[in-house]
Protein backbone atom coordinates (compact mmCIF):
# COMPACT_ATOMS: atom_id res chain seq x y z
CA MET A 1 -12.15 11.85 -5.88
CA THR A 2 -12.81 8.10 -6.04
CA ASP A 3 -10.33 4.56 -5.64
CA TYR A 4 -9.85 3.64 -8.61
CA ILE A 5 -7.42 3.62 -11.80
CA SER A 6 -6.84 3.31 -15.18
CA VAL A 7 -3.15 1.77 -16.02
CA PHE A 8 -1.58 2.48 -19.80
CA ILE A 9 0.26 -0.14 -21.12
CA THR A 10 2.13 -0.44 -24.44
CA ALA A 11 3.30 -3.79 -25.92
CA SER A 12 5.22 -5.03 -29.10
CA SER A 13 1.87 -7.49 -30.10
CA GLU A 14 -1.60 -8.48 -29.85
CA THR A 15 -0.57 -12.20 -28.64
CA GLU A 16 0.99 -10.48 -26.29
CA GLY A 17 -1.01 -8.09 -24.54
CA GLU A 18 -3.55 -11.25 -24.44
CA LYS A 19 -0.85 -12.71 -22.53
CA ILE A 20 -0.49 -9.79 -19.98
CA ALA A 21 -3.84 -8.96 -20.01
CA SER A 22 -5.78 -12.78 -19.08
CA GLU A 23 -3.06 -12.66 -16.81
CA LEU A 24 -4.41 -9.10 -14.67
CA VAL A 25 -7.09 -10.26 -15.03
CA LYS A 26 -6.98 -13.74 -13.23
CA GLU A 27 -5.11 -12.83 -11.09
CA ARG A 28 -7.94 -10.45 -9.98
CA LEU A 29 -5.80 -7.22 -10.85
CA ALA A 30 -7.46 -5.72 -12.79
CA ALA A 31 -11.52 -6.18 -13.02
CA CYS A 32 -10.84 -5.30 -16.78
CA VAL A 33 -7.99 -5.19 -19.38
CA SER A 34 -8.79 -3.59 -22.73
CA MET A 35 -6.98 -3.76 -26.00
CA VAL A 36 -5.97 -1.42 -29.07
CA GLY A 37 -4.63 -2.35 -31.82
CA GLY A 38 -3.49 -0.55 -34.36
CA VAL A 39 -1.31 1.88 -32.08
CA ARG A 40 2.12 3.62 -33.57
CA SER A 41 4.62 4.99 -30.99
CA THR A 42 7.94 6.94 -32.12
CA PHE A 43 10.31 7.10 -29.44
CA ARG A 44 13.26 7.11 -28.52
CA TRP A 45 15.30 4.47 -27.23
CA LYS A 46 19.62 4.19 -26.33
CA GLY A 47 20.31 7.12 -28.94
CA GLN A 48 18.20 5.69 -31.97
CA ILE A 49 14.34 7.38 -33.46
CA SER A 50 12.55 4.27 -33.75
CA THR A 51 8.77 4.22 -33.99
CA GLU A 52 7.01 0.39 -34.36
CA GLN A 53 2.95 -0.45 -34.47
CA GLU A 54 2.39 -1.93 -30.67
CA VAL A 55 -1.25 -2.22 -28.82
CA LEU A 56 -2.51 -0.34 -26.25
CA LEU A 57 -3.75 -1.96 -23.09
CA ILE A 58 -5.89 -0.16 -20.61
CA ALA A 59 -6.35 -1.71 -17.57
CA LYS A 60 -8.96 -0.65 -14.41
CA THR A 61 -8.31 -0.95 -11.21
CA LYS A 62 -7.61 0.29 -7.74
CA ASP A 63 -4.77 2.49 -7.13
CA ARG A 64 -3.88 0.54 -4.10
CA LEU A 65 -3.44 -2.37 -6.60
CA PHE A 66 -1.18 -0.32 -8.42
CA GLU A 67 2.38 -1.75 -7.45
CA LYS A 68 1.46 -5.26 -7.09
CA LEU A 69 -0.04 -4.95 -11.45
CA LYS A 70 3.63 -2.91 -12.27
CA GLY A 71 5.24 -6.04 -10.88
CA ARG A 72 3.88 -8.30 -12.16
CA VAL A 73 3.74 -6.31 -16.07
CA LEU A 74 7.17 -6.54 -15.53
CA GLU A 75 7.55 -10.09 -14.85
CA LEU A 76 5.22 -10.78 -18.09
CA HIS A 77 6.33 -8.19 -20.18
CA SER A 78 9.30 -8.09 -23.09
CA TYR A 79 10.16 -4.39 -23.23
CA GLU A 80 12.91 -3.69 -20.83
CA VAL A 81 11.03 -0.59 -20.11
CA PRO A 82 7.46 -0.69 -20.61
CA GLU A 83 4.74 1.71 -20.43
CA ILE A 84 2.88 1.38 -16.87
CA VAL A 85 1.44 4.51 -16.61
CA ALA A 86 -1.74 5.23 -14.02
CA SER A 87 -3.97 8.07 -14.26
CA PRO A 88 -6.52 8.40 -11.17
CA ILE A 89 -10.51 7.50 -12.80
CA LEU A 90 -11.74 11.31 -11.00
CA ALA A 91 -14.99 10.52 -10.99
CA GLY A 92 -17.26 7.46 -12.69
CA PHE A 93 -20.32 5.34 -13.10
CA GLU A 94 -21.16 4.42 -9.97
CA LYS A 95 -22.14 1.10 -10.92
CA TYR A 96 -19.66 0.20 -13.18
CA LEU A 97 -16.17 1.59 -10.27
CA ASN A 98 -18.21 -0.85 -7.94
CA TRP A 99 -17.73 -3.83 -10.23
CA ILE A 100 -14.12 -2.37 -10.47
CA GLY A 101 -14.64 -2.84 -6.22
CA ASP A 102 -16.22 -6.62 -6.93
CA GLU A 103 -12.87 -7.96 -9.28
CA THR A 104 -10.35 -6.93 -7.70
CA LYS A 105 -8.39 -7.92 -4.69
């Protein structure tokens, strides 16, 4: 197992996604944040079923930075309860994983 994770974050718009991505990389909380547009999410919120257009951010970082990354996303995000979900990177191209390590705190 590696010491790296991918963190999935949905955002309300490309503008919000770009702001979050930029700050996470600038602050070295993530080496890279990929943004996927055209995400359509259906969910239950406060007793209602809603469907919304969103963007999906995928941040690549070290597992030990998750709490700091999560805190920063909560400061920047417009949602009351944003999606911030981490998955371990079990294996990967060694040079890429080393790059993640070099580019994060």
